[in-house]
Amino acid sequence: MTLGLTAGLRADEPAKEEAPVLSEEIGDGLAKVEPMVTAKDWVGAMALVNGLLEKAAAGSYDQAFLNEMKAQILTQKGDYPSAIDPLETALTIADQHHYFSNKQETDMLYFLSQLYYQKADTLKADHDAELAAYGKAIQFVQRWFQLTPKPNEDVALYYAQVLYAASLAKDPNHPDPALLKQTREQIEKTLTLTIHPKDSIYTFLLATLQQELDYVRAAEYFELILARNPNNKSYWVDLSTLYMALAQDPKDKDEAKVRRYNIRAIDTFERAQALGFMKTPRDNFTLFTLYYNIGQYGIASDLLYNGLETGAIEPVLNNWLLLAASYQQINKDFTAIEVLKKAAERFPKNGELEFKVAQAYQQLDNNQEAFNHCKIAVEKGGLSKAQQTYMFLAYTGYEVGQYDEAKVAIDQAIHLMSKPDHQALGLQSAIEEAIKERDAKKAPAPAPAPDKP
């Protein structure tokens, strides 16, 4: 923060018909201060001013002027906290007797507000004192506005910043809603002060709207900023995040709105990518997810496939599984199978992919291929649900007449169960009966009994 007290040593704009003047004794004494200040002899300058203050009459212009000078010396010395008391005293005396011009008073008010704002930042350990300092900072800048018919953009923005800091100081996790509202209203006023407001003002307004959870208006302002400055990557990221948050709002279950905000998020990603932004593997995967969420499985599948092939999307196992599921959503079962087989080549020690292939073949009524791939899955291992896989192997083995392997599989599935269910026990019984029937057919016919003599 830049602090500065700009009021001169003499009133440049009389507050009444005749400007007040220093007494002769005080004026003569002050002639010795200037060389000390020039030489940065702060101790000597302060001693001289304090000595003159003892001689100044209570409530006099001398007293108001000397206190203001004392504050200026402390400011030049860099001792901002100590400058508060004398400056506030000078202002109080001047208010009672109208000693200072409008410009002097507004300069002092603005500077006092800045001093208290800075002081508040150093009082984090004393919450009450911190809040009191912010209150003073707000009080003085509000008085500044009362005396200034045409406020400028910088002070207007500063006022909003003080209000915002005060709202967070009360509780960072739950900012004061009344102060947040005042902050937003003040920033909106600031936007009207110039034809081309600074981007920083819009950014600040967006931060306030997000604190208020007003994501709809925040998105509108982001669109406005990006229309002016499309080359800011962070704005694109923030805008897409807002649209996704609106689409996932648990309070609003309107499907049309959810779809609309997901589409706006997609549009934001694609506009950003056209400019070269938001092209990380994570961004590309998010774009796939958005298309998937609105039921555009064909586009989603193509995005994911191309991303996995080129490395634009991280080629991890789950993403290959998602790709296969996407193709199945649009009834491209054979394509899904080819994807799973390709993934199985990339992850040769993972039997889960072979199991997914087996399940896909079963849905196509190809039990032989389902059995073949499930058998490979069991041999590879790395299964997420071993019991389910063994049950599947037992069932398909039974269907294609591979009873011995089916028997081994069902016994293993039951072994993995804490308590065998009716379905598993029924399948086990059916397999055992099939084995008995098969073996009975294989047994040689008994030899005929010899004829009796």
Protein backbone atom coordinates (compact mmCIF):
# COMPACT_ATOMS: atom_id res chain seq x y z
CA MET A 1 0.00 0.00 0.00
CA THR A 2 1.29 3.51 -0.84
CA LEU A 3 0.78 5.99 1.96
CA GLY A 4 1.11 9.71 1.56
CA LEU A 5 -0.01 12.90 3.27
CA THR A 6 -0.34 15.58 0.62
CA ALA A 7 -1.65 18.53 2.60
CA GLY A 8 0.73 21.52 2.47
CA LEU A 9 2.10 23.46 5.40
CA ARG A 10 -0.26 26.35 4.58
CA ALA A 11 -3.89 26.18 3.63
CA ASP A 12 -4.15 26.53 -0.15
CA GLU A 13 -7.95 26.81 -0.13
CA PRO A 14 -9.38 28.83 2.79
CA ALA A 15 -12.29 27.19 4.53
CA LYS A 16 -13.63 30.58 5.52
CA GLU A 17 -13.21 34.17 4.36
CA GLU A 18 -9.85 34.65 6.10
CA ALA A 19 -7.37 31.80 6.36
CA PRO A 20 -6.04 31.10 9.85
CA VAL A 21 -2.37 31.88 10.52
CA LEU A 22 0.21 30.67 12.99
CA SER A 23 1.15 32.76 15.97
CA GLU A 24 4.44 34.61 15.67
CA GLU A 25 6.18 32.51 18.32
CA ILE A 26 5.17 29.22 16.71
CA GLY A 27 5.97 30.48 13.20
CA ASP A 28 9.47 31.54 14.28
CA GLY A 29 10.06 28.22 15.99
CA LEU A 30 9.02 26.24 12.93
CA ALA A 31 11.65 27.95 10.82
CA LYS A 32 14.19 25.64 12.50
CA VAL A 33 12.28 22.45 11.60
CA GLU A 34 12.80 22.51 7.84
CA PRO A 35 16.64 22.04 7.96
CA MET A 36 16.25 19.18 10.45
CA VAL A 37 13.74 17.39 8.22
CA THR A 38 16.01 17.90 5.21
CA ALA A 39 18.89 16.38 7.19
CA LYS A 40 16.60 13.56 8.36
CA ASP A 41 17.24 14.56 11.94
CA TRP A 42 13.96 13.03 13.08
CA VAL A 43 14.82 13.13 16.78
CA GLY A 44 15.68 16.82 16.67
CA ALA A 45 12.66 17.71 14.54
CA MET A 46 10.28 15.81 16.83
CA ALA A 47 11.80 17.40 19.95
CA LEU A 48 11.33 20.86 18.48
CA VAL A 49 7.72 20.24 17.40
CA ASN A 50 6.84 18.68 20.78
CA GLY A 51 8.35 21.72 22.52
CA LEU A 52 6.24 24.04 20.41
CA LEU A 53 3.14 21.98 21.11
CA GLU A 54 3.58 22.60 24.83
CA LYS A 55 3.35 26.31 24.12
CA ALA A 56 0.36 26.11 21.75
CA ALA A 57 -3.03 27.08 23.17
CA ALA A 58 -5.61 24.34 23.41
CA GLY A 59 -7.91 24.26 20.39
CA SER A 60 -5.78 26.78 18.52
CA TYR A 61 -4.71 26.70 14.89
CA ASP A 62 -1.14 26.38 16.21
CA GLN A 63 -2.06 23.14 17.94
CA ALA A 64 -3.84 21.72 14.88
CA PHE A 65 -1.00 22.72 12.55
CA LEU A 66 1.76 21.34 14.81
CA ASN A 67 0.00 18.00 15.19
CA GLU A 68 -0.33 17.74 11.43
CA MET A 69 3.36 18.56 11.05
CA LYS A 70 4.25 15.95 13.67
CA ALA A 71 2.33 13.37 11.66
CA GLN A 72 4.19 14.38 8.50
CA ILE A 73 7.58 13.99 10.22
CA LEU A 74 6.66 10.56 11.55
CA THR A 75 5.45 9.59 8.07
CA GLN A 76 8.71 10.68 6.45
CA LYS A 77 10.54 8.75 9.15
CA GLY A 78 8.51 5.67 8.19
CA ASP A 79 6.79 5.36 11.56
CA TYR A 80 3.26 5.14 10.18
CA PRO A 81 1.49 3.76 13.28
CA SER A 82 2.74 6.67 15.42
CA ALA A 83 1.48 9.18 12.86
CA ILE A 84 -2.15 8.21 13.55
CA ASP A 85 -2.68 9.96 16.90
CA PRO A 86 -1.28 13.42 16.00
CA LEU A 87 -3.02 13.40 12.62
CA GLU A 88 -6.33 12.43 14.19
CA THR A 89 -5.87 15.13 16.85
CA ALA A 90 -5.17 17.76 14.17
CA LEU A 91 -8.28 16.74 12.29
CA THR A 92 -10.47 16.84 15.42
CA ILE A 93 -9.32 20.37 16.28
CA ALA A 94 -9.72 21.54 12.70
CA ASP A 95 -13.24 20.11 12.54
CA GLN A 96 -14.27 22.13 15.60
CA HIS A 97 -12.94 25.43 14.29
CA HIS A 98 -12.89 24.93 10.50
CA TYR A 99 -9.17 25.66 10.28
CA PHE A 100 -8.37 23.58 7.21
CA SER A 101 -9.42 23.86 3.60
CA ASN A 102 -11.54 21.20 1.97
CA LYS A 103 -8.49 19.80 0.18
CA GLN A 104 -6.42 19.62 3.36
CA GLU A 105 -9.24 17.87 5.17
CA THR A 106 -9.87 15.31 2.42
CA ASP A 107 -6.13 14.59 2.18
CA MET A 108 -5.98 13.99 5.93
CA LEU A 109 -9.10 11.82 5.90
CA TYR A 110 -7.78 9.64 3.10
CA PHE A 111 -4.37 9.30 4.72
CA LEU A 112 -5.88 8.42 8.11
CA SER A 113 -7.99 5.76 6.44
CA GLN A 114 -4.86 4.32 4.81
CA LEU A 115 -2.99 4.35 8.12
CA TYR A 116 -5.76 2.45 9.90
CA TYR A 117 -6.05 0.02 6.97
CA GLN A 118 -2.35 -0.71 7.24
CA LYS A 119 -2.56 -0.97 11.01
CA ALA A 120 -5.41 -3.49 10.80
CA ASP A 121 -3.19 -5.76 8.73
CA THR A 122 -0.69 -5.91 11.60
CA LEU A 123 -3.30 -6.82 14.23
CA LYS A 124 -4.18 -10.37 13.16
CA ALA A 125 -3.37 -11.65 16.65
CA ASP A 126 -5.87 -9.25 18.26
CA HIS A 127 -9.17 -9.80 16.48
CA ASP A 128 -11.10 -7.03 18.24
CA ALA A 129 -8.35 -4.47 17.63
CA GLU A 130 -8.13 -5.56 13.99
CA LEU A 131 -11.87 -5.06 13.46
CA ALA A 132 -11.74 -1.69 15.24
CA ALA A 133 -8.93 -0.55 12.93
CA TYR A 134 -10.90 -1.58 9.86
CA GLY A 135 -13.89 0.29 11.26
CA LYS A 136 -11.79 3.46 11.55
CA ALA A 137 -10.43 3.02 8.03
CA ILE A 138 -13.99 2.75 6.70
CA GLN A 139 -15.19 5.70 8.80
CA PHE A 140 -12.51 8.09 7.48
CA VAL A 141 -12.86 7.14 3.82
CA GLN A 142 -16.64 7.53 4.09
CA ARG A 143 -16.10 11.07 5.36
CA TRP A 144 -13.79 11.63 2.40
CA PHE A 145 -16.68 10.75 0.06
CA GLN A 146 -19.00 13.15 1.87
CA LEU A 147 -16.62 16.02 1.09
CA THR A 148 -15.79 14.96 -2.47
CA PRO A 149 -18.50 15.58 -5.09
CA LYS A 150 -16.54 13.81 -7.85
CA PRO A 151 -14.65 10.82 -6.41
CA ASN A 152 -11.89 9.33 -8.53
CA GLU A 153 -11.46 5.69 -9.54
CA ASP A 154 -8.46 5.00 -7.29
CA VAL A 155 -10.10 6.12 -4.03
CA ALA A 156 -13.37 4.43 -4.97
CA LEU A 157 -11.52 1.16 -5.53
CA TYR A 158 -9.58 1.62 -2.30
CA TYR A 159 -12.84 2.02 -0.38
CA ALA A 160 -14.12 -1.26 -1.84
CA GLN A 161 -10.86 -2.97 -0.85
CA VAL A 162 -11.21 -1.80 2.76
CA LEU A 163 -14.80 -3.04 2.92
CA TYR A 164 -13.77 -6.40 1.47
CA ALA A 165 -10.86 -6.81 3.89
CA ALA A 166 -13.14 -5.94 6.80
CA SER A 167 -15.72 -8.52 5.69
CA LEU A 168 -13.06 -11.24 5.61
CA ALA A 169 -11.55 -10.12 8.92
CA LYS A 170 -14.76 -10.97 10.78
CA ASP A 171 -14.56 -14.59 9.65
CA PRO A 172 -12.42 -15.68 6.65
CA ASN A 173 -14.60 -18.78 6.16
CA HIS A 174 -17.87 -16.86 6.40
CA PRO A 175 -17.32 -13.23 5.32
CA ASP A 176 -19.73 -10.65 6.68
CA PRO A 177 -22.64 -10.60 4.15
CA ALA A 178 -23.56 -6.96 4.80
CA LEU A 179 -19.99 -5.77 4.18
CA LEU A 180 -19.72 -8.00 1.12
CA LYS A 181 -22.87 -6.41 -0.26
CA GLN A 182 -21.45 -2.93 0.42
CA THR A 183 -18.21 -4.00 -1.29
CA ARG A 184 -20.01 -5.17 -4.42
CA GLU A 185 -22.14 -2.04 -4.60
CA GLN A 186 -19.07 0.15 -4.20
CA ILE A 187 -17.20 -1.69 -6.98
CA GLU A 188 -20.21 -1.36 -9.26
CA LYS A 189 -20.19 2.40 -8.59
CA THR A 190 -16.47 2.47 -9.33
CA LEU A 191 -17.09 0.91 -12.75
CA THR A 192 -19.20 3.94 -13.69
CA LEU A 193 -16.46 6.48 -12.94
CA THR A 194 -14.49 5.95 -16.15
CA ILE A 195 -15.25 4.96 -19.73
CA HIS A 196 -12.67 2.17 -19.66
CA PRO A 197 -12.42 0.74 -16.13
CA LYS A 198 -9.27 -1.16 -15.24
CA ASP A 199 -9.39 -4.96 -15.50
CA SER A 200 -8.37 -5.11 -11.83
CA ILE A 201 -11.74 -3.56 -10.90
CA TYR A 202 -13.63 -6.27 -12.75
CA THR A 203 -11.42 -8.93 -11.17
CA PHE A 204 -12.16 -7.54 -7.73
CA LEU A 205 -15.88 -7.47 -8.46
CA LEU A 206 -15.68 -11.11 -9.54
CA ALA A 207 -13.97 -12.08 -6.30
CA THR A 208 -16.79 -10.42 -4.37
CA LEU A 209 -19.52 -12.10 -6.41
CA GLN A 210 -17.88 -15.48 -5.88
CA GLN A 211 -17.74 -14.84 -2.14
CA GLU A 212 -21.46 -14.09 -2.31
CA LEU A 213 -21.90 -17.33 -4.29
CA ASP A 214 -23.54 -15.33 -7.08
CA TYR A 215 -22.02 -17.46 -9.84
CA VAL A 216 -24.54 -16.37 -12.47
CA ARG A 217 -23.52 -12.69 -12.35
CA ALA A 218 -19.88 -13.65 -11.94
CA ALA A 219 -20.06 -15.64 -15.18
CA GLU A 220 -21.68 -12.68 -16.95
CA TYR A 221 -18.83 -10.38 -15.90
CA PHE A 222 -16.23 -12.97 -16.92
CA GLU A 223 -17.79 -13.08 -20.38
CA LEU A 224 -17.56 -9.30 -20.51
CA ILE A 225 -13.90 -9.29 -19.46
CA LEU A 226 -12.99 -12.02 -21.95
CA ALA A 227 -14.69 -10.08 -24.73
CA ARG A 228 -12.23 -7.28 -23.92
CA ASN A 229 -9.22 -9.40 -23.10
CA PRO A 230 -9.43 -12.96 -24.47
CA ASN A 231 -5.73 -13.68 -23.94
CA ASN A 232 -5.88 -14.12 -20.18
CA LYS A 233 -5.69 -17.85 -19.48
CA SER A 234 -6.82 -17.62 -15.85
CA TYR A 235 -10.09 -15.94 -16.89
CA TRP A 236 -10.96 -18.89 -19.14
CA VAL A 237 -10.20 -21.33 -16.33
CA ASP A 238 -12.32 -19.36 -13.86
CA LEU A 239 -15.24 -19.02 -16.26
CA SER A 240 -15.32 -22.75 -17.04
CA THR A 241 -15.18 -23.50 -13.32
CA LEU A 242 -18.17 -21.23 -12.70
CA TYR A 243 -20.27 -22.87 -15.40
CA MET A 244 -19.44 -26.33 -14.06
CA ALA A 245 -20.31 -25.21 -10.54
CA LEU A 246 -23.67 -23.91 -11.78
CA ALA A 247 -24.30 -27.22 -13.55
CA GLN A 248 -23.59 -29.11 -10.33
CA ASP A 249 -25.58 -26.83 -8.02
CA PRO A 250 -27.32 -29.26 -5.61
CA LYS A 251 -30.07 -26.69 -4.98
CA ASP A 252 -31.12 -26.54 -8.61
CA LYS A 253 -32.26 -29.82 -10.16
CA ASP A 254 -33.68 -28.25 -13.33
CA GLU A 255 -32.34 -30.57 -16.05
CA ALA A 256 -32.62 -27.91 -18.74
CA LYS A 257 -30.45 -25.53 -16.70
CA VAL A 258 -27.93 -28.25 -15.90
CA ARG A 259 -27.61 -29.07 -19.58
CA ARG A 260 -27.36 -25.39 -20.54
CA TYR A 261 -24.53 -24.72 -18.10
CA ASN A 262 -22.68 -27.86 -19.17
CA ILE A 263 -22.93 -26.69 -22.77
CA ARG A 264 -21.63 -23.25 -21.76
CA ALA A 265 -18.71 -24.94 -20.01
CA ILE A 266 -17.99 -26.92 -23.20
CA ASP A 267 -18.15 -23.73 -25.26
CA THR A 268 -15.74 -22.04 -22.83
CA PHE A 269 -13.24 -24.90 -23.11
CA GLU A 270 -13.40 -24.92 -26.89
CA ARG A 271 -13.05 -21.12 -27.20
CA ALA A 272 -10.05 -21.24 -24.88
CA GLN A 273 -8.45 -24.14 -26.76
CA ALA A 274 -8.89 -22.27 -30.04
CA LEU A 275 -6.67 -19.59 -28.51
CA GLY A 276 -4.12 -22.15 -27.32
CA PHE A 277 -5.23 -22.34 -23.67
CA MET A 278 -6.57 -25.14 -21.47
CA LYS A 279 -4.98 -28.00 -23.41
CA THR A 280 -3.50 -29.99 -20.56
CA PRO A 281 -4.41 -33.71 -20.24
CA ARG A 282 -6.61 -32.78 -17.31
CA ASP A 283 -8.41 -30.09 -19.33
CA ASN A 284 -8.95 -32.47 -22.25
CA PHE A 285 -10.34 -35.12 -19.93
CA THR A 286 -12.71 -32.58 -18.38
CA LEU A 287 -13.98 -31.65 -21.84
CA PHE A 288 -14.63 -35.35 -22.55
CA THR A 289 -16.51 -35.61 -19.24
CA LEU A 290 -18.71 -32.62 -20.10
CA TYR A 291 -19.72 -34.14 -23.43
CA TYR A 292 -20.37 -37.45 -21.69
CA ASN A 293 -22.52 -35.74 -19.05
CA ILE A 294 -24.86 -34.25 -21.65
CA GLY A 295 -25.24 -37.61 -23.41
CA GLN A 296 -23.06 -36.80 -26.44
CA TYR A 297 -21.36 -40.18 -26.22
CA GLY A 298 -20.18 -40.20 -29.83
CA ILE A 299 -18.27 -36.93 -29.53
CA ALA A 300 -17.09 -37.90 -26.06
CA SER A 301 -15.77 -41.24 -27.31
CA ASP A 302 -13.89 -39.65 -30.20
CA LEU A 303 -12.34 -37.05 -27.87
CA LEU A 304 -11.22 -39.70 -25.42
CA TYR A 305 -9.93 -42.08 -28.10
CA ASN A 306 -7.89 -39.38 -29.85
CA GLY A 307 -6.63 -38.12 -26.50
CA LEU A 308 -5.47 -41.56 -25.39
CA GLU A 309 -3.82 -42.25 -28.73
CA THR A 310 -1.93 -38.93 -28.86
CA GLY A 311 -1.22 -38.52 -25.14
CA ALA A 312 -3.49 -35.46 -24.94
CA ILE A 313 -5.34 -37.39 -22.23
CA GLU A 314 -3.46 -39.43 -19.65
CA PRO A 315 -3.51 -43.08 -20.87
CA VAL A 316 -4.25 -44.65 -17.50
CA LEU A 317 -6.27 -47.84 -17.10
CA ASN A 318 -9.48 -46.17 -15.92
CA ASN A 319 -9.54 -43.92 -18.97
CA TRP A 320 -9.37 -46.93 -21.30
CA LEU A 321 -12.24 -48.50 -19.38
CA LEU A 322 -14.20 -45.27 -19.72
CA LEU A 323 -13.56 -45.27 -23.45
CA ALA A 324 -14.94 -48.78 -23.81
CA ALA A 325 -18.01 -47.82 -21.74
CA SER A 326 -18.52 -44.78 -23.98
CA TYR A 327 -18.57 -46.92 -27.13
CA GLN A 328 -20.98 -49.32 -25.49
CA GLN A 329 -23.31 -46.38 -24.76
CA ILE A 330 -23.66 -45.82 -28.52
CA ASN A 331 -23.98 -49.55 -29.24
CA LYS A 332 -20.51 -49.88 -30.75
CA ASP A 333 -19.84 -53.08 -28.87
CA PHE A 334 -17.22 -54.45 -31.25
CA THR A 335 -15.36 -51.15 -31.14
CA ALA A 336 -15.50 -51.30 -27.33
CA ILE A 337 -14.04 -54.81 -27.46
CA GLU A 338 -11.19 -53.68 -29.71
CA VAL A 339 -10.47 -50.81 -27.32
CA LEU A 340 -10.35 -53.20 -24.38
CA LYS A 341 -8.04 -55.56 -26.26
CA LYS A 342 -5.73 -52.70 -27.13
CA ALA A 343 -5.71 -51.64 -23.48
CA ALA A 344 -4.99 -55.23 -22.44
CA GLU A 345 -1.85 -55.11 -24.59
CA ARG A 346 -0.77 -51.92 -22.80
CA PHE A 347 -1.46 -53.42 -19.38
CA PRO A 348 -0.45 -57.06 -19.81
CA LYS A 349 -0.54 -57.88 -16.10
CA ASN A 350 -4.06 -56.65 -15.51
CA GLY A 351 -6.75 -59.30 -15.85
CA GLU A 352 -9.57 -56.83 -15.32
CA LEU A 353 -9.42 -55.75 -18.96
CA GLU A 354 -9.79 -59.32 -20.19
CA PHE A 355 -12.77 -59.72 -17.88
CA LYS A 356 -14.37 -56.61 -19.42
CA VAL A 357 -13.80 -58.16 -22.86
CA ALA A 358 -15.45 -61.35 -21.64
CA GLN A 359 -18.48 -59.42 -20.38
CA ALA A 360 -18.77 -57.58 -23.70
CA TYR A 361 -18.75 -60.85 -25.63
CA GLN A 362 -21.42 -62.32 -23.37
CA GLN A 363 -23.68 -59.33 -24.13
CA LEU A 364 -23.24 -60.31 -27.78
CA ASP A 365 -24.29 -63.89 -26.93
CA ASN A 366 -20.82 -65.20 -27.70
CA ASN A 367 -20.29 -67.41 -24.67
CA GLN A 368 -17.27 -69.17 -26.13
CA GLU A 369 -15.26 -65.94 -26.48
CA ALA A 370 -16.60 -64.77 -23.11
CA PHE A 371 -15.26 -67.99 -21.54
CA ASN A 372 -11.91 -67.73 -23.36
CA HIS A 373 -11.23 -64.16 -22.22
CA CYS A 374 -12.48 -64.72 -18.68
CA LYS A 375 -10.07 -67.66 -18.43
CA ILE A 376 -7.23 -65.35 -19.50
CA ALA A 377 -8.40 -62.80 -16.93
CA VAL A 378 -8.12 -65.34 -14.12
CA GLU A 379 -4.69 -66.44 -15.32
CA LYS A 380 -3.42 -62.83 -15.38
CA GLY A 381 -4.85 -61.86 -11.98
CA GLY A 382 -5.07 -58.26 -10.81
CA LEU A 383 -8.84 -58.56 -10.55
CA SER A 384 -10.91 -55.92 -8.76
CA LYS A 385 -13.68 -58.46 -7.95
CA ALA A 386 -12.19 -61.95 -8.02
CA GLN A 387 -15.32 -63.66 -6.71
CA GLN A 388 -17.48 -62.15 -9.46
CA THR A 389 -14.91 -63.13 -12.10
CA TYR A 390 -14.77 -66.76 -10.97
CA MET A 391 -18.58 -66.90 -10.96
CA PHE A 392 -18.61 -65.55 -14.51
CA LEU A 393 -16.01 -68.12 -15.58
CA ALA A 394 -18.03 -70.90 -13.99
CA TYR A 395 -21.23 -69.81 -15.73
CA THR A 396 -19.71 -69.40 -19.21
CA GLY A 397 -17.77 -72.63 -18.79
CA TYR A 398 -21.00 -74.41 -17.98
CA GLU A 399 -22.70 -72.84 -21.02
CA VAL A 400 -19.99 -74.00 -23.45
CA GLY A 401 -19.59 -77.43 -21.87
CA GLN A 402 -16.23 -76.88 -20.17
CA TYR A 403 -17.49 -78.52 -16.99
CA ASP A 404 -14.19 -79.35 -15.33
CA GLU A 405 -12.94 -75.78 -15.55
CA ALA A 406 -16.37 -74.53 -14.55
CA LYS A 407 -16.22 -76.78 -11.46
CA VAL A 408 -12.82 -75.38 -10.42
CA ALA A 409 -14.11 -71.83 -10.93
CA ILE A 410 -17.35 -72.27 -8.96
CA ASP A 411 -15.52 -73.94 -6.08
CA GLN A 412 -13.11 -70.99 -5.97
CA ALA A 413 -15.96 -68.47 -6.11
CA ILE A 414 -17.74 -70.17 -3.21
CA HIS A 415 -14.47 -70.32 -1.29
CA LEU A 416 -14.17 -66.52 -1.61
CA MET A 417 -17.70 -65.97 -0.29
CA SER A 418 -18.25 -65.44 3.42
CA LYS A 419 -21.58 -67.21 3.01
CA PRO A 420 -22.42 -68.94 -0.29
CA ASP A 421 -25.64 -67.63 -1.84
CA HIS A 422 -28.42 -69.63 -3.47
CA GLN A 423 -27.30 -68.75 -6.99
CA ALA A 424 -23.73 -69.96 -6.45
CA LEU A 425 -24.83 -73.19 -4.81
CA GLY A 426 -27.36 -73.79 -7.59
CA LEU A 427 -24.71 -73.30 -10.26
CA GLN A 428 -22.32 -75.62 -8.42
CA SER A 429 -25.00 -78.32 -8.25
CA ALA A 430 -25.81 -77.93 -11.95
CA ILE A 431 -22.15 -78.23 -12.92
CA GLU A 432 -21.67 -81.35 -10.78
CA GLU A 433 -24.76 -82.96 -12.33
CA ALA A 434 -23.48 -82.14 -15.81
CA ILE A 435 -20.16 -83.76 -14.97
CA LYS A 436 -21.93 -86.89 -13.72
CA GLU A 437 -24.02 -87.12 -16.86
CA ARG A 438 -20.97 -86.63 -19.07
CA ASP A 439 -18.97 -89.23 -17.18
CA ALA A 440 -21.89 -91.66 -17.26
CA LYS A 441 -22.04 -91.39 -21.02
CA LYS A 442 -18.31 -92.06 -21.26
CA ALA A 443 -18.41 -95.21 -19.08
CA PRO A 444 -18.24 -98.52 -21.09
CA ALA A 445 -21.42 -100.60 -21.28
CA PRO A 446 -21.39 -103.58 -18.88
CA ALA A 447 -20.43 -106.97 -20.45
CA PRO A 448 -23.36 -109.34 -21.05
CA ALA A 449 -23.71 -112.17 -18.56
CA PRO A 450 -22.56 -115.61 -19.85
CA ASP A 451 -25.21 -118.12 -20.91
CA LYS A 452 -26.04 -120.79 -18.35
CA PRO A 453 -25.52 -124.41 -19.41
